[in-house]
């Protein structure tokens, strides 16, 4: 016969029940806590998702608004303004060739800046818009109010149709200048501006040749006159990476004794030319003839110094 005490077994059964009850209660409490935490995490996830969605929607709208303000290349509305002024001056419905050239300069800088991936901020556009409106308010023939009457539009309509596109393109031109200035900090402003204008016009003519020809025909723009070629003779006194200096009347004995600045002051002249299509052997002291068509600026801080474009050059006498 077994000696196990039945009363003890009965007591153990009760103990098991209590243990099972405690375990079940603990599990239930743990599930309640986890459920509560899951609920909090769910709310945080929803809030975060909404915030991200609002941010992305805001960015998308901003991009849409900015892209909607981007004017087209070769926008005829700008030609309309030139034609309005020119017709007032010449008494005919005729566009001056110089006005069309100014139009192309702005359009070429804008198109070239776009090709480099540049884009202005709204603040930059607004700043240029102020400048555009100030300049228009100074116009005399016609005055700004006369423009509005001739166009039969309000001031706000004029700003939206004409001023804002011009401001946008002007802001792009400024960005193009700043980028170029950062890339070539040692080039004089006048020469750098010539390089930018040349490259921009080459880009425009390459990609919009047919459109330009169509506009010339539509507005009966006179054909370009042949360039008047001028010549400057002198001695090369300085050569930089993108420009060279020519001074006329210099005696060979001054080379090595006086600095370039001193020689400029002594002979009261000096011209910087773009370093384009020149002989590789070009050296300081060489006597040269440079062909050019126009002046491209001056330097108020340095008397007797000016800047000209370049059509071609040749060495007359190499420095020995």
Foldseek 3Di string as FASTA:
>chain_A
DDPDDVVVVVVVVVVVVVVVVVVVVVVVVVVVVVVVVVVVVVVVVVVVVVVVVVVVVVVVVVVVVQVVLADDQPDCVQVVVQQLLVCLVVVHSAHELVSVVVSLLLSLLLVVLVVVVDFDDPVQLVVLLVVQVVVQCPDVRPHNVVVCVVVVHDPVVCCSRPSSNSSRSVSSSVVVLVVQCVVPVPDDPLLSVVVSSVVSSVVCCVVCVVVSVVVCVVRVYDDDDDFDKDKDKAFWQDDDPWKTKGDHPDDLVCVPVDHPLVRCVVRLAMEIETPPAADPPDDGGFIKMWMFRDWRAADPVRGRYTYTYGDYMDTPGDHD
